[in-house]
Amino acid sequence: MGISKSALSATLIAPVVLFGIVGCAQQPAEKPALENSESSVLPIEMTEQEALEAAQSAYAEYLAMSDLIAQEGGVNPERMEPYVSPELLKDEITGFQVIENNAWHAEGNSFFDNFAMQVKSGSKLTTYLCIDHSRIRLFDKTSTDVTSPSRIDRYPLQVTFALEDGTNFKIESSETWVGENFC
């Protein structure tokens, strides 16, 4: 007895939409301390508010590229390289390869809100945000909607950014927040 197309879609699409299209959400985050570190290696001219704004801008750029690659059927996922760490890039590429190998494509765009600093330590900045995929649908080559009906459209993330070259943030990690759902 084979697996049905809908069962296969539900099995594959939920992780792809949650992790491949948006990328990054690998493991549930441990509940960390909420205090800022006293030490800072952020550039002397960058205030905490400026760092938070730069990280928010970096995430918006990351999300726009992730959505674009998904809309284009997962092709050329290495375009994520400017936005994520080398370790995270491997996961991004794997997620987009599932989309490409199944001849799927996305329509719509993801968005985020409730972006807030959690902790700053050295050249790293950890944030909370709410990611929302409710406006993204996944389609196969016959234009059939294959988006999993059990997909969670909106959920909290803990995202850590690392300062690259003193001015730009790259996403180092992104994990589903396991504490109280603030979204």
N, C-alpha and C. Protein backbone atom coordinates (compact mmCIF):
# COMPACT_ATOMS: atom_id res chain seq x y z
N MET A 1 0.85 -1.18 0.00
CA MET A 1 0.00 0.00 0.00
C MET A 1 0.88 1.23 0.00
N GLY A 2 0.70 2.10 -0.97
CA GLY A 2 1.52 3.30 -1.10
C GLY A 2 0.97 4.45 -0.27
N ILE A 3 1.77 5.48 -0.16
CA ILE A 3 1.36 6.68 0.57
C ILE A 3 0.59 7.58 -0.39
N SER A 4 -0.50 8.15 0.08
CA SER A 4 -1.31 9.01 -0.78
C SER A 4 -0.62 10.34 -1.01
N LYS A 5 -1.00 11.01 -2.10
CA LYS A 5 -0.42 12.32 -2.42
C LYS A 5 -0.70 13.32 -1.31
N SER A 6 -1.91 13.28 -0.74
CA SER A 6 -2.22 14.25 0.32
C SER A 6 -1.43 13.95 1.59
N ALA A 7 -1.21 12.67 1.89
CA ALA A 7 -0.41 12.34 3.06
C ALA A 7 1.04 12.75 2.85
N LEU A 8 1.54 12.50 1.63
CA LEU A 8 2.90 12.91 1.31
C LEU A 8 3.03 14.42 1.38
N SER A 9 2.06 15.12 0.82
CA SER A 9 2.09 16.58 0.86
C SER A 9 2.09 17.09 2.28
N ALA A 10 1.24 16.53 3.13
CA ALA A 10 1.17 16.97 4.52
C ALA A 10 2.49 16.71 5.23
N THR A 11 3.11 15.58 4.91
CA THR A 11 4.38 15.24 5.54
C THR A 11 5.50 16.16 5.10
N LEU A 12 5.57 16.44 3.81
CA LEU A 12 6.67 17.23 3.27
C LEU A 12 6.44 18.73 3.37
N ILE A 13 5.23 19.16 3.13
CA ILE A 13 4.99 20.59 3.00
C ILE A 13 5.07 21.31 4.32
N ALA A 14 4.59 20.72 5.39
CA ALA A 14 4.65 21.42 6.68
C ALA A 14 6.07 21.82 7.03
N PRO A 15 7.05 20.90 6.97
CA PRO A 15 8.41 21.34 7.28
C PRO A 15 8.95 22.32 6.25
N VAL A 16 8.62 22.12 4.98
CA VAL A 16 9.14 23.01 3.96
C VAL A 16 8.61 24.42 4.16
N VAL A 17 7.31 24.54 4.35
CA VAL A 17 6.74 25.87 4.51
C VAL A 17 7.24 26.52 5.79
N LEU A 18 7.32 25.76 6.85
CA LEU A 18 7.77 26.34 8.11
C LEU A 18 9.26 26.60 8.12
N PHE A 19 10.03 25.72 7.52
CA PHE A 19 11.48 25.84 7.63
C PHE A 19 12.15 26.16 6.31
N GLY A 20 11.72 25.57 5.22
CA GLY A 20 12.37 25.79 3.94
C GLY A 20 12.06 27.13 3.34
N ILE A 21 10.77 27.49 3.26
CA ILE A 21 10.42 28.77 2.68
C ILE A 21 10.89 29.90 3.57
N VAL A 22 10.64 29.79 4.83
CA VAL A 22 11.05 30.84 5.74
C VAL A 22 12.47 30.61 6.17
N GLY A 23 12.87 29.37 6.14
CA GLY A 23 14.21 29.01 6.53
C GLY A 23 14.39 29.07 8.02
N CYS A 24 15.49 28.58 8.44
CA CYS A 24 16.05 28.87 9.75
C CYS A 24 15.44 28.19 10.96
N ALA A 25 14.21 27.95 11.09
CA ALA A 25 13.67 27.46 12.36
C ALA A 25 14.04 25.99 12.54
N GLN A 26 15.10 25.73 13.25
CA GLN A 26 15.63 24.38 13.36
C GLN A 26 15.18 23.65 14.62
N GLN A 27 15.55 24.16 15.75
CA GLN A 27 15.27 23.51 17.02
C GLN A 27 14.52 24.48 17.92
N PRO A 28 13.68 23.97 18.81
CA PRO A 28 13.05 24.88 19.76
C PRO A 28 14.11 25.58 20.60
N ALA A 29 13.88 26.84 20.86
CA ALA A 29 14.84 27.62 21.62
C ALA A 29 14.69 27.34 23.11
N GLU A 30 15.82 27.25 23.79
CA GLU A 30 15.80 27.16 25.24
C GLU A 30 15.36 28.50 25.79
N LYS A 31 14.68 28.50 26.88
CA LYS A 31 14.24 29.76 27.46
C LYS A 31 15.45 30.46 28.07
N PRO A 32 15.90 31.58 27.45
CA PRO A 32 17.10 32.27 27.93
C PRO A 32 16.77 33.34 28.94
N ALA A 33 17.82 33.87 29.53
CA ALA A 33 17.68 35.03 30.40
C ALA A 33 17.28 36.21 29.55
N LEU A 34 16.55 37.15 30.11
CA LEU A 34 16.05 38.28 29.36
C LEU A 34 16.88 39.54 29.58
N GLU A 35 18.00 39.43 30.23
CA GLU A 35 18.80 40.60 30.53
C GLU A 35 19.81 40.85 29.44
N ASN A 36 20.09 42.13 29.18
CA ASN A 36 21.13 42.49 28.23
C ASN A 36 22.48 42.31 28.87
N SER A 37 23.44 41.92 28.06
CA SER A 37 24.81 41.79 28.53
C SER A 37 25.41 43.18 28.70
N GLU A 38 26.24 43.34 29.67
CA GLU A 38 26.91 44.62 29.88
C GLU A 38 28.00 44.85 28.85
N SER A 39 28.62 43.76 28.38
CA SER A 39 29.69 43.92 27.41
C SER A 39 29.09 44.12 26.03
N SER A 40 29.78 44.90 25.22
CA SER A 40 29.29 45.15 23.88
C SER A 40 30.46 45.29 22.93
N VAL A 41 30.35 44.64 21.79
CA VAL A 41 31.36 44.79 20.76
C VAL A 41 30.69 45.40 19.52
N LEU A 42 29.46 45.86 19.68
CA LEU A 42 28.82 46.55 18.57
C LEU A 42 29.65 47.78 18.26
N PRO A 43 29.66 48.22 17.02
CA PRO A 43 30.46 49.39 16.67
C PRO A 43 30.15 50.56 17.60
N ILE A 44 31.18 51.30 17.97
CA ILE A 44 31.05 52.39 18.92
C ILE A 44 29.98 53.39 18.48
N GLU A 45 29.85 53.57 17.17
CA GLU A 45 28.87 54.54 16.68
C GLU A 45 27.46 53.96 16.56
N MET A 46 27.27 52.67 16.85
CA MET A 46 25.96 52.03 16.74
C MET A 46 25.34 51.86 18.11
N THR A 47 24.23 52.55 18.35
CA THR A 47 23.51 52.39 19.61
C THR A 47 22.74 51.07 19.59
N GLU A 48 22.21 50.66 20.72
CA GLU A 48 21.40 49.44 20.75
C GLU A 48 20.19 49.58 19.84
N GLN A 49 19.57 50.76 19.83
CA GLN A 49 18.42 50.99 18.96
C GLN A 49 18.81 50.88 17.49
N GLU A 50 19.95 51.44 17.13
CA GLU A 50 20.43 51.35 15.75
C GLU A 50 20.75 49.90 15.38
N ALA A 51 21.31 49.16 16.32
CA ALA A 51 21.61 47.74 16.09
C ALA A 51 20.31 46.96 15.88
N LEU A 52 19.32 47.25 16.69
CA LEU A 52 18.03 46.57 16.55
C LEU A 52 17.40 46.89 15.19
N GLU A 53 17.46 48.15 14.79
CA GLU A 53 16.91 48.55 13.50
C GLU A 53 17.67 47.89 12.35
N ALA A 54 19.00 47.79 12.47
CA ALA A 54 19.80 47.14 11.44
C ALA A 54 19.46 45.65 11.35
N ALA A 55 19.27 45.01 12.49
CA ALA A 55 18.90 43.59 12.50
C ALA A 55 17.51 43.40 11.89
N GLN A 56 16.59 44.29 12.22
CA GLN A 56 15.24 44.20 11.66
C GLN A 56 15.28 44.37 10.13
N SER A 57 16.09 45.28 9.66
CA SER A 57 16.25 45.48 8.22
C SER A 57 16.87 44.24 7.57
N ALA A 58 17.87 43.66 8.23
CA ALA A 58 18.50 42.45 7.71
C ALA A 58 17.50 41.31 7.62
N TYR A 59 16.62 41.19 8.62
CA TYR A 59 15.61 40.12 8.59
C TYR A 59 14.61 40.36 7.46
N ALA A 60 14.22 41.59 7.26
CA ALA A 60 13.28 41.91 6.17
C ALA A 60 13.89 41.55 4.81
N GLU A 61 15.17 41.84 4.63
CA GLU A 61 15.85 41.49 3.38
C GLU A 61 15.95 39.98 3.22
N TYR A 62 16.27 39.29 4.30
CA TYR A 62 16.33 37.83 4.29
C TYR A 62 14.98 37.24 3.88
N LEU A 63 13.92 37.72 4.51
CA LEU A 63 12.58 37.18 4.26
C LEU A 63 12.15 37.45 2.82
N ALA A 64 12.46 38.63 2.29
CA ALA A 64 12.12 38.95 0.91
C ALA A 64 12.83 38.00 -0.06
N MET A 65 14.11 37.71 0.18
CA MET A 65 14.84 36.79 -0.69
C MET A 65 14.30 35.37 -0.54
N SER A 66 14.00 34.96 0.66
CA SER A 66 13.46 33.63 0.89
C SER A 66 12.14 33.45 0.14
N ASP A 67 11.26 34.44 0.25
CA ASP A 67 9.98 34.39 -0.47
C ASP A 67 10.20 34.34 -1.98
N LEU A 68 11.13 35.15 -2.48
CA LEU A 68 11.41 35.19 -3.92
C LEU A 68 11.89 33.83 -4.42
N ILE A 69 12.81 33.22 -3.71
CA ILE A 69 13.33 31.91 -4.13
C ILE A 69 12.20 30.88 -4.13
N ALA A 70 11.34 30.92 -3.13
CA ALA A 70 10.21 29.98 -3.08
C ALA A 70 9.23 30.25 -4.22
N GLN A 71 9.02 31.53 -4.53
CA GLN A 71 8.12 31.88 -5.64
C GLN A 71 8.69 31.40 -6.98
N GLU A 72 10.01 31.37 -7.07
CA GLU A 72 10.68 30.93 -8.30
C GLU A 72 10.94 29.42 -8.31
N GLY A 73 10.31 28.69 -7.41
CA GLY A 73 10.40 27.24 -7.41
C GLY A 73 11.64 26.67 -6.74
N GLY A 74 12.27 27.45 -5.88
CA GLY A 74 13.42 26.95 -5.12
C GLY A 74 14.75 27.01 -5.86
N VAL A 75 14.76 27.58 -7.06
CA VAL A 75 16.00 27.61 -7.84
C VAL A 75 16.99 28.64 -7.29
N ASN A 76 18.26 28.32 -7.43
CA ASN A 76 19.37 29.18 -6.99
C ASN A 76 19.26 29.58 -5.51
N PRO A 77 19.12 28.60 -4.63
CA PRO A 77 18.98 28.93 -3.21
C PRO A 77 20.24 29.53 -2.59
N GLU A 78 21.36 29.42 -3.30
CA GLU A 78 22.59 30.02 -2.78
C GLU A 78 22.47 31.54 -2.69
N ARG A 79 21.42 32.11 -3.25
CA ARG A 79 21.17 33.55 -3.10
C ARG A 79 20.92 33.95 -1.65
N MET A 80 20.72 32.96 -0.77
CA MET A 80 20.52 33.24 0.65
C MET A 80 21.84 33.55 1.36
N GLU A 81 22.97 33.29 0.71
CA GLU A 81 24.28 33.43 1.34
C GLU A 81 24.53 34.80 1.99
N PRO A 82 24.13 35.91 1.37
CA PRO A 82 24.41 37.20 2.01
C PRO A 82 23.62 37.43 3.31
N TYR A 83 22.63 36.60 3.58
CA TYR A 83 21.72 36.85 4.69
C TYR A 83 21.90 35.93 5.88
N VAL A 84 22.57 34.79 5.67
CA VAL A 84 22.67 33.79 6.73
C VAL A 84 24.11 33.29 6.90
N SER A 85 24.37 32.70 8.05
CA SER A 85 25.68 32.11 8.32
C SER A 85 25.90 30.90 7.41
N PRO A 86 27.15 30.49 7.22
CA PRO A 86 27.41 29.31 6.38
C PRO A 86 26.69 28.06 6.87
N GLU A 87 26.60 27.87 8.18
CA GLU A 87 25.91 26.70 8.72
C GLU A 87 24.42 26.73 8.37
N LEU A 88 23.82 27.88 8.49
CA LEU A 88 22.39 28.03 8.20
C LEU A 88 22.12 27.93 6.70
N LEU A 89 23.07 28.34 5.89
CA LEU A 89 22.91 28.28 4.44
C LEU A 89 22.66 26.84 3.98
N LYS A 90 23.32 25.89 4.59
CA LYS A 90 23.12 24.48 4.24
C LYS A 90 21.66 24.08 4.43
N ASP A 91 21.06 24.48 5.55
CA ASP A 91 19.66 24.16 5.81
C ASP A 91 18.73 24.87 4.83
N GLU A 92 19.06 26.11 4.51
CA GLU A 92 18.25 26.86 3.55
C GLU A 92 18.24 26.16 2.20
N ILE A 93 19.42 25.77 1.75
CA ILE A 93 19.54 25.11 0.45
C ILE A 93 18.76 23.80 0.44
N THR A 94 18.87 23.02 1.50
CA THR A 94 18.13 21.76 1.59
C THR A 94 16.62 21.99 1.49
N GLY A 95 16.11 22.98 2.19
CA GLY A 95 14.68 23.27 2.14
C GLY A 95 14.22 23.68 0.75
N PHE A 96 14.99 24.53 0.10
CA PHE A 96 14.62 24.97 -1.24
C PHE A 96 14.76 23.86 -2.27
N GLN A 97 15.67 22.92 -2.04
CA GLN A 97 15.82 21.78 -2.96
C GLN A 97 14.57 20.91 -2.94
N VAL A 98 13.92 20.80 -1.80
CA VAL A 98 12.66 20.04 -1.72
C VAL A 98 11.61 20.70 -2.60
N ILE A 99 11.54 22.02 -2.53
CA ILE A 99 10.58 22.75 -3.37
C ILE A 99 10.90 22.53 -4.85
N GLU A 100 12.17 22.70 -5.20
CA GLU A 100 12.57 22.55 -6.60
C GLU A 100 12.36 21.12 -7.09
N ASN A 101 12.76 20.13 -6.31
CA ASN A 101 12.65 18.73 -6.72
C ASN A 101 11.20 18.28 -6.90
N ASN A 102 10.27 18.94 -6.22
CA ASN A 102 8.86 18.58 -6.34
C ASN A 102 8.12 19.48 -7.33
N ALA A 103 8.85 20.38 -7.99
CA ALA A 103 8.26 21.31 -8.95
C ALA A 103 7.15 22.15 -8.31
N TRP A 104 7.38 22.57 -7.07
CA TRP A 104 6.45 23.44 -6.37
C TRP A 104 6.90 24.89 -6.51
N HIS A 105 6.01 25.79 -6.24
CA HIS A 105 6.36 27.20 -6.13
C HIS A 105 5.38 27.86 -5.16
N ALA A 106 5.84 28.93 -4.57
CA ALA A 106 5.01 29.66 -3.61
C ALA A 106 4.38 30.86 -4.28
N GLU A 107 3.26 31.27 -3.73
CA GLU A 107 2.63 32.53 -4.11
C GLU A 107 2.35 33.28 -2.82
N GLY A 108 2.59 34.58 -2.86
CA GLY A 108 2.37 35.42 -1.68
C GLY A 108 3.67 35.73 -0.98
N ASN A 109 3.56 36.42 0.13
CA ASN A 109 4.73 36.85 0.90
C ASN A 109 4.52 36.61 2.38
N SER A 110 5.61 36.30 3.05
CA SER A 110 5.63 36.20 4.51
C SER A 110 5.82 37.60 5.08
N PHE A 111 5.47 37.76 6.34
CA PHE A 111 5.77 39.01 7.01
C PHE A 111 6.05 38.73 8.47
N PHE A 112 6.57 39.73 9.16
CA PHE A 112 6.89 39.57 10.58
C PHE A 112 6.56 40.86 11.31
N ASP A 113 6.38 40.72 12.62
CA ASP A 113 6.14 41.88 13.48
C ASP A 113 6.60 41.53 14.89
N ASN A 114 6.32 42.40 15.83
CA ASN A 114 6.73 42.22 17.24
C ASN A 114 8.23 41.97 17.38
N PHE A 115 9.02 42.66 16.58
CA PHE A 115 10.47 42.50 16.58
C PHE A 115 11.03 43.23 17.80
N ALA A 116 11.69 42.49 18.68
CA ALA A 116 12.21 43.10 19.92
C ALA A 116 13.52 42.45 20.32
N MET A 117 14.38 43.25 20.95
CA MET A 117 15.65 42.74 21.42
C MET A 117 15.42 41.86 22.64
N GLN A 118 16.10 40.73 22.65
CA GLN A 118 16.09 39.85 23.80
C GLN A 118 17.37 40.04 24.60
N VAL A 119 18.51 39.87 23.92
CA VAL A 119 19.80 39.99 24.61
C VAL A 119 20.86 40.41 23.59
N LYS A 120 21.80 41.19 24.07
CA LYS A 120 22.95 41.60 23.26
C LYS A 120 24.18 41.11 23.97
N SER A 121 25.05 40.42 23.24
CA SER A 121 26.26 39.89 23.83
C SER A 121 27.37 39.94 22.79
N GLY A 122 28.37 40.75 23.05
CA GLY A 122 29.46 40.89 22.10
C GLY A 122 28.95 41.43 20.78
N SER A 123 29.26 40.74 19.70
CA SER A 123 28.82 41.19 18.37
C SER A 123 27.54 40.47 17.94
N LYS A 124 26.85 39.86 18.88
CA LYS A 124 25.62 39.14 18.58
C LYS A 124 24.42 39.83 19.21
N LEU A 125 23.31 39.73 18.51
CA LEU A 125 22.07 40.31 18.96
C LEU A 125 20.99 39.26 18.81
N THR A 126 20.32 38.90 19.89
CA THR A 126 19.24 37.92 19.84
C THR A 126 17.92 38.65 20.00
N THR A 127 16.99 38.31 19.12
CA THR A 127 15.71 39.00 19.07
C THR A 127 14.55 38.02 19.15
N TYR A 128 13.40 38.56 19.44
CA TYR A 128 12.13 37.84 19.32
C TYR A 128 11.40 38.45 18.14
N LEU A 129 10.60 37.63 17.46
CA LEU A 129 9.71 38.17 16.43
C LEU A 129 8.59 37.18 16.20
N CYS A 130 7.55 37.66 15.56
CA CYS A 130 6.45 36.80 15.14
C CYS A 130 6.51 36.69 13.62
N ILE A 131 6.61 35.47 13.13
CA ILE A 131 6.63 35.23 11.68
C ILE A 131 5.23 34.81 11.26
N ASP A 132 4.80 35.27 10.10
CA ASP A 132 3.45 34.98 9.63
C ASP A 132 3.50 34.53 8.17
N HIS A 133 3.03 33.31 7.92
CA HIS A 133 3.01 32.73 6.57
C HIS A 133 1.59 32.63 6.02
N SER A 134 0.64 33.28 6.66
CA SER A 134 -0.75 33.12 6.27
C SER A 134 -1.03 33.59 4.84
N ARG A 135 -0.16 34.42 4.30
CA ARG A 135 -0.35 34.94 2.94
C ARG A 135 0.44 34.16 1.89
N ILE A 136 1.04 33.04 2.30
CA ILE A 136 1.83 32.22 1.37
C ILE A 136 1.11 30.90 1.15
N ARG A 137 0.99 30.53 -0.11
CA ARG A 137 0.44 29.22 -0.48
C ARG A 137 1.48 28.53 -1.35
N LEU A 138 1.51 27.21 -1.31
CA LEU A 138 2.44 26.40 -2.08
C LEU A 138 1.66 25.63 -3.14
N PHE A 139 2.12 25.70 -4.40
CA PHE A 139 1.41 25.07 -5.52
C PHE A 139 2.34 24.12 -6.26
N ASP A 140 1.73 23.07 -6.83
CA ASP A 140 2.51 22.16 -7.67
C ASP A 140 2.48 22.65 -9.12
N LYS A 141 3.08 21.88 -10.02
CA LYS A 141 3.19 22.34 -11.41
C LYS A 141 1.85 22.39 -12.14
N THR A 142 0.81 21.77 -11.57
CA THR A 142 -0.53 21.84 -12.18
C THR A 142 -1.36 22.94 -11.54
N SER A 143 -0.73 23.76 -10.71
CA SER A 143 -1.38 24.86 -9.99
C SER A 143 -2.34 24.38 -8.91
N THR A 144 -2.15 23.15 -8.45
CA THR A 144 -2.92 22.63 -7.33
C THR A 144 -2.28 23.11 -6.03
N ASP A 145 -3.09 23.64 -5.15
CA ASP A 145 -2.58 24.11 -3.85
C ASP A 145 -2.21 22.89 -3.01
N VAL A 146 -0.91 22.78 -2.69
CA VAL A 146 -0.42 21.66 -1.90
C VAL A 146 0.02 22.10 -0.50
N THR A 147 -0.40 23.29 -0.10
CA THR A 147 -0.07 23.78 1.24
C THR A 147 -0.74 22.88 2.27
N SER A 148 0.01 22.48 3.26
CA SER A 148 -0.53 21.60 4.28
C SER A 148 -1.63 22.30 5.06
N PRO A 149 -2.78 21.66 5.21
CA PRO A 149 -3.86 22.27 6.00
C PRO A 149 -3.51 22.36 7.49
N SER A 150 -2.51 21.61 7.92
CA SER A 150 -2.12 21.65 9.33
C SER A 150 -0.96 22.62 9.59
N ARG A 151 -0.55 23.35 8.58
CA ARG A 151 0.54 24.31 8.74
C ARG A 151 0.16 25.36 9.78
N ILE A 152 1.10 25.71 10.60
CA ILE A 152 0.91 26.80 11.56
C ILE A 152 1.33 28.07 10.84
N ASP A 153 0.40 29.00 10.70
CA ASP A 153 0.66 30.21 9.92
C ASP A 153 1.45 31.28 10.67
N ARG A 154 1.30 31.36 11.97
CA ARG A 154 1.91 32.44 12.74
C ARG A 154 2.47 31.88 14.04
N TYR A 155 3.75 32.17 14.31
CA TYR A 155 4.37 31.63 15.51
C TYR A 155 5.58 32.47 15.88
N PRO A 156 6.03 32.36 17.15
CA PRO A 156 7.16 33.16 17.61
C PRO A 156 8.50 32.50 17.27
N LEU A 157 9.47 33.35 16.96
CA LEU A 157 10.83 32.91 16.71
C LEU A 157 11.81 33.66 17.61
N GLN A 158 12.91 33.00 17.89
CA GLN A 158 14.06 33.63 18.53
C GLN A 158 15.16 33.59 17.47
N VAL A 159 15.60 34.77 17.03
CA VAL A 159 16.57 34.87 15.94
C VAL A 159 17.82 35.56 16.47
N THR A 160 18.97 34.94 16.22
CA THR A 160 20.25 35.52 16.62
C THR A 160 20.98 36.01 15.38
N PHE A 161 21.44 37.24 15.46
CA PHE A 161 22.20 37.89 14.39
C PHE A 161 23.64 38.05 14.84
N ALA A 162 24.56 37.90 13.91
CA ALA A 162 25.98 38.15 14.17
C ALA A 162 26.41 39.30 13.29
N LEU A 163 27.11 40.23 13.87
CA LEU A 163 27.60 41.39 13.14
C LEU A 163 28.75 40.97 12.24
N GLU A 164 28.59 41.21 10.94
CA GLU A 164 29.62 40.89 9.96
C GLU A 164 30.29 42.19 9.53
N ASP A 165 31.54 42.20 9.35
CA ASP A 165 32.35 43.33 8.87
C ASP A 165 32.04 44.65 9.58
N GLY A 166 31.57 44.58 10.80
CA GLY A 166 31.35 45.78 11.60
C GLY A 166 30.11 46.58 11.29
N THR A 167 29.37 46.22 10.23
CA THR A 167 28.21 47.02 9.89
C THR A 167 26.97 46.22 9.50
N ASN A 168 27.12 44.99 9.05
CA ASN A 168 25.99 44.21 8.56
C ASN A 168 25.73 43.00 9.44
N PHE A 169 24.44 42.72 9.65
CA PHE A 169 24.05 41.54 10.41
C PHE A 169 23.69 40.40 9.48
N LYS A 170 24.11 39.18 9.87
CA LYS A 170 23.68 37.95 9.21
C LYS A 170 22.94 37.12 10.25
N ILE A 171 21.96 36.35 9.81
CA ILE A 171 21.23 35.48 10.71
C ILE A 171 22.12 34.28 11.02
N GLU A 172 22.37 34.08 12.29
CA GLU A 172 23.19 32.97 12.74
C GLU A 172 22.33 31.78 13.15
N SER A 173 21.18 32.07 13.77
CA SER A 173 20.26 31.00 14.15
C SER A 173 18.85 31.56 14.20
N SER A 174 17.90 30.67 13.99
CA SER A 174 16.48 31.02 14.09
C SER A 174 15.76 29.78 14.60
N GLU A 175 15.11 29.94 15.72
CA GLU A 175 14.48 28.80 16.38
C GLU A 175 13.07 29.16 16.82
N THR A 176 12.20 28.19 16.78
CA THR A 176 10.86 28.40 17.27
C THR A 176 10.94 28.63 18.79
N TRP A 177 10.31 29.69 19.25
CA TRP A 177 10.30 30.03 20.67
C TRP A 177 9.36 29.07 21.39
N VAL A 178 9.85 28.43 22.46
CA VAL A 178 9.03 27.45 23.19
C VAL A 178 8.40 28.03 24.44
N GLY A 179 8.71 29.27 24.75
CA GLY A 179 8.09 29.92 25.90
C GLY A 179 6.65 30.30 25.55
N GLU A 180 6.12 31.22 26.32
CA GLU A 180 4.76 31.69 26.07
C GLU A 180 4.66 32.29 24.67
N ASN A 181 3.62 31.92 23.96
CA ASN A 181 3.42 32.42 22.60
C ASN A 181 3.00 33.89 22.67
N PHE A 182 3.88 34.78 22.28
CA PHE A 182 3.60 36.21 22.34
C PHE A 182 3.04 36.73 21.01
N CYS A 183 2.78 35.84 20.08
CA CYS A 183 2.22 36.25 18.79
C CYS A 183 0.70 36.21 18.85
